[in-house]
Each structure stands twice: as structure tokens, then as C-alpha cells.
């Protein structure tokens, strides 16, 4: 889980730097930004779900 989250954050950082250095056109970056935000949100929800599953398992 954490590896996937770090990978998404690294990808977002690389895209941001590429856009700043004009290696990636701003239009392409702005098209990818919502996708990265949705993936990050899904990973966060999955992490919350796993924390509940693990804590529930620990109680039994």
C-alpha cells in the first residue's frame, strides 16, 4: 500500500518538475493532474479500509 502511494507521489512530483522545465506541455499536465488526484484519493480510502480490517482482525 505505502509503496503504491509513494509511487503515485513520485510520479506526480516528476510530472510537476517536467511541466516546470517545459518538458511536458501544460495542457498534458493539466489533463493528468485530476487522474493523479483520483488515484491518490482511492489509495487513501483503501488505506483507511485496511486499517479497519486489520484493527478488527486484531480484536478477534
PDB file of N, CA and C in Angstrom:
ATOM      1  N   UNK A   1       0.818  -1.197   0.000  1.00  0.00           N
ATOM      2  CA  UNK A   1       0.000   0.000   0.000  1.00  0.00           C
ATOM      3  C   UNK A   1       0.857   1.254   0.000  1.00  0.00           C
ATOM      4  N   UNK A   2       1.798   1.327   0.928  1.00  0.00           N
ATOM      5  CA  UNK A   2       2.639   2.512   1.007  1.00  0.00           C
ATOM      6  C   UNK A   2       3.521   2.654  -0.231  1.00  0.00           C
ATOM      7  N   UNK A   3       3.949   1.514  -0.788  1.00  0.00           N
ATOM      8  CA  UNK A   3       4.773   1.568  -1.998  1.00  0.00           C
ATOM      9  C   UNK A   3       3.974   2.170  -3.147  1.00  0.00           C
ATOM     10  N   UNK A   4       2.712   1.759  -3.276  1.00  0.00           N
ATOM     11  CA  UNK A   4       1.864   2.305  -4.345  1.00  0.00           C
ATOM     12  C   UNK A   4       1.640   3.797  -4.146  1.00  0.00           C
ATOM     13  N   UNK A   5       1.416   4.205  -2.912  1.00  0.00           N
ATOM     14  CA  UNK A   5       1.177   5.625  -2.624  1.00  0.00           C
ATOM     15  C   UNK A   5       2.425   6.447  -2.929  1.00  0.00           C
ATOM     16  N   UNK A   6       3.585   5.939  -2.531  1.00  0.00           N
ATOM     17  CA  UNK A   6       4.835   6.645  -2.806  1.00  0.00           C
ATOM     18  C   UNK A   6       5.058   6.745  -4.309  1.00  0.00           C
ATOM     19  N   UNK A   7       4.746   5.686  -5.043  1.00  0.00           N
ATOM     20  CA  UNK A   7       4.925   5.704  -6.495  1.00  0.00           C
ATOM     21  C   UNK A   7       4.057   6.775  -7.144  1.00  0.00           C
ATOM     22  N   UNK A   8       2.811   6.909  -6.677  1.00  0.00           N
ATOM     23  CA  UNK A   8       1.921   7.935  -7.220  1.00  0.00           C
ATOM     24  C   UNK A   8       2.464   9.320  -6.900  1.00  0.00           C
ATOM     25  N   UNK A   9       2.941   9.508  -5.674  1.00  0.00           N
ATOM     26  CA  UNK A   9       3.502  10.806  -5.296  1.00  0.00           C
ATOM     27  C   UNK A   9       4.760  11.118  -6.098  1.00  0.00           C
ATOM     28  N   UNK A  10       5.606  10.107  -6.325  1.00  0.00           N
ATOM     29  CA  UNK A  10       6.810  10.311  -7.132  1.00  0.00           C
ATOM     30  C   UNK A  10       6.441  10.675  -8.565  1.00  0.00           C
ATOM     31  N   UNK A  11       5.450   9.988  -9.108  1.00  0.00           N
ATOM     32  CA  UNK A  11       5.002  10.289 -10.467  1.00  0.00           C
ATOM     33  C   UNK A  11       4.482  11.716 -10.553  1.00  0.00           C
ATOM     34  N   UNK A  12       3.683  12.112  -9.565  1.00  0.00           N
ATOM     35  CA  UNK A  12       3.168  13.477  -9.546  1.00  0.00           C
ATOM     36  C   UNK A  12       4.280  14.502  -9.453  1.00  0.00           C
ATOM     37  N   UNK A  13       5.285  14.216  -8.629  1.00  0.00           N
ATOM     38  CA  UNK A  13       6.424  15.130  -8.488  1.00  0.00           C
ATOM     39  C   UNK A  13       7.202  15.225  -9.792  1.00  0.00           C
ATOM     40  N   UNK A  14       7.433  14.094 -10.440  1.00  0.00           N
ATOM     41  CA  UNK A  14       8.156  14.097 -11.713  1.00  0.00           C
ATOM     42  C   UNK A  14       7.383  14.862 -12.778  1.00  0.00           C
ATOM     43  N   UNK A  15       6.069  14.687 -12.806  1.00  0.00           N
ATOM     44  CA  UNK A  15       5.257  15.419 -13.780  1.00  0.00           C
ATOM     45  C   UNK A  15       5.298  16.913 -13.505  1.00  0.00           C
ATOM     46  N   UNK A  16       5.276  17.275 -12.226  1.00  0.00           N
ATOM     47  CA  UNK A  16       5.334  18.690 -11.863  1.00  0.00           C
ATOM     48  C   UNK A  16       6.655  19.305 -12.314  1.00  0.00           C
ATOM     49  N   UNK A  17       7.768  18.612 -12.052  1.00  0.00           N
ATOM     50  CA  UNK A  17       9.063  19.131 -12.478  1.00  0.00           C
ATOM     51  C   UNK A  17       9.171  19.178 -14.001  1.00  0.00           C
ATOM     52  N   UNK A  18       8.632  18.158 -14.675  1.00  0.00           N
ATOM     53  CA  UNK A  18       8.668  18.146 -16.136  1.00  0.00           C
ATOM     54  C   UNK A  18       7.885  19.326 -16.700  1.00  0.00           C
ATOM     55  N   UNK A  19       6.757  19.643 -16.071  1.00  0.00           N
ATOM     56  CA  UNK A  19       5.948  20.774 -16.530  1.00  0.00           C
ATOM     57  C   UNK A  19       6.682  22.081 -16.263  1.00  0.00           C
ATOM     58  N   UNK A  20       7.334  22.185 -15.108  1.00  0.00           N
ATOM     59  CA  UNK A  20       8.085  23.409 -14.767  1.00  0.00           C
ATOM     60  C   UNK A  20       9.254  23.623 -15.720  1.00  0.00           C
ATOM     61  N   UNK A  21       9.895  22.529 -16.119  1.00  0.00           N
ATOM     62  CA  UNK A  21      11.036  22.627 -17.029  1.00  0.00           C
ATOM     63  C   UNK A  21      10.598  22.686 -18.491  1.00  0.00           C
ATOM     64  N   UNK A  22       9.288  22.693 -18.702  1.00  0.00           N
ATOM     65  CA  UNK A  22       8.693  22.763 -20.035  1.00  0.00           C
ATOM     66  C   UNK A  22       9.004  21.515 -20.869  1.00  0.00           C
ATOM     67  N   UNK A  23       9.260  20.398 -20.180  1.00  0.00           N
ATOM     68  CA  UNK A  23       9.457  19.134 -20.888  1.00  0.00           C
ATOM     69  C   UNK A  23       8.114  18.505 -21.238  1.00  0.00           C
ATOM     70  N   UNK A  24       7.100  18.885 -20.480  1.00  0.00           N
ATOM     71  CA  UNK A  24       5.752  18.380 -20.696  1.00  0.00           C
ATOM     72  C   UNK A  24       4.845  19.580 -20.889  1.00  0.00           C
ATOM     73  N   UNK A  25       4.122  19.641 -21.986  1.00  0.00           N
ATOM     74  CA  UNK A  25       3.231  20.786 -22.203  1.00  0.00           C
ATOM     75  C   UNK A  25       2.216  20.928 -21.072  1.00  0.00           C
ATOM     76  N   UNK A  26       1.886  22.154 -20.747  1.00  0.00           N
ATOM     77  CA  UNK A  26       0.958  22.430 -19.643  1.00  0.00           C
ATOM     78  C   UNK A  26      -0.396  21.760 -19.866  1.00  0.00           C
ATOM     79  N   UNK A  27      -0.818  21.658 -21.120  1.00  0.00           N
ATOM     80  CA  UNK A  27      -2.119  21.037 -21.394  1.00  0.00           C
ATOM     81  C   UNK A  27      -2.115  19.553 -21.017  1.00  0.00           C
ATOM     82  N   UNK A  28      -1.004  18.864 -21.280  1.00  0.00           N
ATOM     83  CA  UNK A  28      -0.922  17.446 -20.912  1.00  0.00           C
ATOM     84  C   UNK A  28      -0.851  17.286 -19.403  1.00  0.00           C
ATOM     85  N   UNK A  29      -0.110  18.165 -18.746  1.00  0.00           N
ATOM     86  CA  UNK A  29      -0.009  18.091 -17.289  1.00  0.00           C
ATOM     87  C   UNK A  29      -1.371  18.323 -16.649  1.00  0.00           C
ATOM     88  N   UNK A  30      -2.095  19.317 -17.128  1.00  0.00           N
ATOM     89  CA  UNK A  30      -3.401  19.614 -16.535  1.00  0.00           C
ATOM     90  C   UNK A  30      -4.393  18.480 -16.802  1.00  0.00           C
ATOM     91  N   UNK A  31      -4.187  17.727 -17.872  1.00  0.00           N
ATOM     92  CA  UNK A  31      -5.052  16.579 -18.146  1.00  0.00           C
ATOM     93  C   UNK A  31      -4.746  15.418 -17.195  1.00  0.00           C
ATOM     94  N   UNK A  32      -3.483  15.273 -16.792  1.00  0.00           N
ATOM     95  CA  UNK A  32      -3.101  14.175 -15.908  1.00  0.00           C
ATOM     96  C   UNK A  32      -3.346  14.478 -14.434  1.00  0.00           C
ATOM     97  N   UNK A  33      -3.367  15.743 -14.072  1.00  0.00           N
ATOM     98  CA  UNK A  33      -3.487  16.125 -12.662  1.00  0.00           C
ATOM     99  C   UNK A  33      -4.755  15.571 -11.999  1.00  0.00           C
ATOM    100  N   UNK A  34      -5.954  15.678 -12.611  1.00  0.00           N
ATOM    101  CA  UNK A  34      -7.145  15.098 -11.968  1.00  0.00           C
ATOM    102  C   UNK A  34      -7.039  13.584 -11.780  1.00  0.00           C
ATOM    103  N   UNK A  35      -6.420  12.908 -12.741  1.00  0.00           N
ATOM    104  CA  UNK A  35      -6.250  11.462 -12.622  1.00  0.00           C
ATOM    105  C   UNK A  35      -5.383  11.119 -11.417  1.00  0.00           C
ATOM    106  N   UNK A  36      -4.282  11.840 -11.252  1.00  0.00           N
ATOM    107  CA  UNK A  36      -3.408  11.595 -10.108  1.00  0.00           C
ATOM    108  C   UNK A  36      -4.123  11.877  -8.791  1.00  0.00           C
ATOM    109  N   UNK A  37      -4.942  12.903  -8.766  1.00  0.00           N
ATOM    110  CA  UNK A  37      -5.684  13.228  -7.549  1.00  0.00           C
ATOM    111  C   UNK A  37      -6.691  12.125  -7.218  1.00  0.00           C
ATOM    112  N   UNK A  38      -7.356  11.566  -8.237  1.00  0.00           N
ATOM    113  CA  UNK A  38      -8.318  10.486  -8.007  1.00  0.00           C
ATOM    114  C   UNK A  38      -7.615   9.219  -7.521  1.00  0.00           C
ATOM    115  N   UNK A  39      -6.477   8.906  -8.123  1.00  0.00           N
ATOM    116  CA  UNK A  39      -5.724   7.724  -7.696  1.00  0.00           C
ATOM    117  C   UNK A  39      -5.265   7.892  -6.254  1.00  0.00           C
ATOM    118  N   UNK A  40      -4.787   9.079  -5.912  1.00  0.00           N
ATOM    119  CA  UNK A  40      -4.351   9.344  -4.548  1.00  0.00           C
ATOM    120  C   UNK A  40      -5.518   9.192  -3.572  1.00  0.00           C
ATOM    121  N   UNK A  41      -6.685   9.676  -3.953  1.00  0.00           N
ATOM    122  CA  UNK A  41      -7.880   9.555  -3.109  1.00  0.00           C
ATOM    123  C   UNK A  41      -8.261   8.086  -2.917  1.00  0.00           C
ATOM    124  N   UNK A  42      -8.235   7.307  -3.992  1.00  0.00           N
ATOM    125  CA  UNK A  42      -8.568   5.885  -3.891  1.00  0.00           C
ATOM    126  C   UNK A  42      -7.577   5.139  -3.005  1.00  0.00           C
ATOM    127  N   UNK A  43      -6.297   5.472  -3.119  1.00  0.00           N
ATOM    128  CA  UNK A  43      -5.295   4.833  -2.274  1.00  0.00           C
ATOM    129  C   UNK A  43      -5.504   5.187  -0.803  1.00  0.00           C
ATOM    130  N   UNK A  44      -5.890   6.419  -0.538  1.00  0.00           N
ATOM    131  CA  UNK A  44      -6.162   6.836   0.838  1.00  0.00           C
ATOM    132  C   UNK A  44      -7.358   6.080   1.406  1.00  0.00           C
ATOM    133  N   UNK A  45      -8.425   5.959   0.616  1.00  0.00           N
ATOM    134  CA  UNK A  45      -9.602   5.207   1.066  1.00  0.00           C
ATOM    135  C   UNK A  45      -9.264   3.737   1.306  1.00  0.00           C
ATOM    136  N   UNK A  46      -8.443   3.164   0.436  1.00  0.00           N
ATOM    137  CA  UNK A  46      -8.026   1.772   0.598  1.00  0.00           C
ATOM    138  C   UNK A  46      -7.195   1.609   1.867  1.00  0.00           C
ATOM    139  N   UNK A  47      -6.350   2.564   2.146  1.00  0.00           N
ATOM    140  CA  UNK A  47      -5.527   2.525   3.359  1.00  0.00           C
ATOM    141  C   UNK A  47      -6.410   2.588   4.611  1.00  0.00           C
ATOM    142  N   UNK A  48      -7.434   3.439   4.594  1.00  0.00           N
ATOM    143  CA  UNK A  48      -8.374   3.530   5.719  1.00  0.00           C
ATOM    144  C   UNK A  48      -9.114   2.203   5.887  1.00  0.00           C
ATOM    145  N   UNK A  49      -9.563   1.630   4.770  1.00  0.00           N
ATOM    146  CA  UNK A  49     -10.253   0.339   4.812  1.00  0.00           C
ATOM    147  C   UNK A  49      -9.351  -0.736   5.419  1.00  0.00           C
ATOM    148  N   UNK A  50      -8.097  -0.784   4.982  1.00  0.00           N
ATOM    149  CA  UNK A  50      -7.170  -1.780   5.517  1.00  0.00           C
ATOM    150  C   UNK A  50      -6.931  -1.584   7.007  1.00  0.00           C
ATOM    151  N   UNK A  51      -6.864  -0.344   7.449  1.00  0.00           N
ATOM    152  CA  UNK A  51      -6.645  -0.103   8.878  1.00  0.00           C
ATOM    153  C   UNK A  51      -7.825  -0.627   9.695  1.00  0.00           C
ATOM    154  N   UNK A  52      -9.051  -0.488   9.177  1.00  0.00           N
ATOM    155  CA  UNK A  52     -10.218  -1.036   9.875  1.00  0.00           C
ATOM    156  C   UNK A  52     -10.200  -2.561   9.866  1.00  0.00           C
ATOM    157  N   UNK A  53      -9.841  -3.152   8.748  1.00  0.00           N
ATOM    158  CA  UNK A  53      -9.798  -4.612   8.654  1.00  0.00           C
ATOM    159  C   UNK A  53      -8.748  -5.170   9.604  1.00  0.00           C
ATOM    160  N   UNK A  54      -7.583  -4.555   9.628  1.00  0.00           N
ATOM    161  CA  UNK A  54      -6.508  -5.035  10.497  1.00  0.00           C
ATOM    162  C   UNK A  54      -6.880  -4.857  11.967  1.00  0.00           C
ATOM    163  N   UNK A  55      -7.467  -3.710  12.312  1.00  0.00           N
ATOM    164  CA  UNK A  55      -7.844  -3.494  13.714  1.00  0.00           C
ATOM    165  C   UNK A  55      -8.971  -4.440  14.129  1.00  0.00           C
ATOM    166  N   UNK A  56      -9.906  -4.726  13.227  1.00  0.00           N
ATOM    167  CA  UNK A  56     -10.986  -5.667  13.523  1.00  0.00           C
ATOM    168  C   UNK A  56     -10.425  -7.074  13.701  1.00  0.00           C
ATOM    169  N   UNK A  57      -9.466  -7.442  12.869  1.00  0.00           N
ATOM    170  CA  UNK A  57      -8.839  -8.759  12.967  1.00  0.00           C
ATOM    171  C   UNK A  57      -8.071  -8.882  14.286  1.00  0.00           C
ATOM    172  N   UNK A  58      -7.434  -7.805  14.717  1.00  0.00           N
ATOM    173  CA  UNK A  58      -6.659  -7.831  15.959  1.00  0.00           C
ATOM    174  C   UNK A  58      -7.558  -7.982  17.184  1.00  0.00           C
ATOM    175  N   UNK A  59      -8.808  -7.535  17.081  1.00  0.00           N
ATOM    176  CA  UNK A  59      -9.727  -7.633  18.214  1.00  0.00           C
ATOM    177  C   UNK A  59     -10.244  -9.055  18.424  1.00  0.00           C
ATOM    178  N   UNK A  60     -10.179  -9.894  17.380  1.00  0.00           N
ATOM    179  CA  UNK A  60     -10.729 -11.254  17.494  1.00  0.00           C
ATOM    180  C   UNK A  60      -9.686 -12.245  17.857  1.00  0.00           C
TER     181      UNK A  60
END
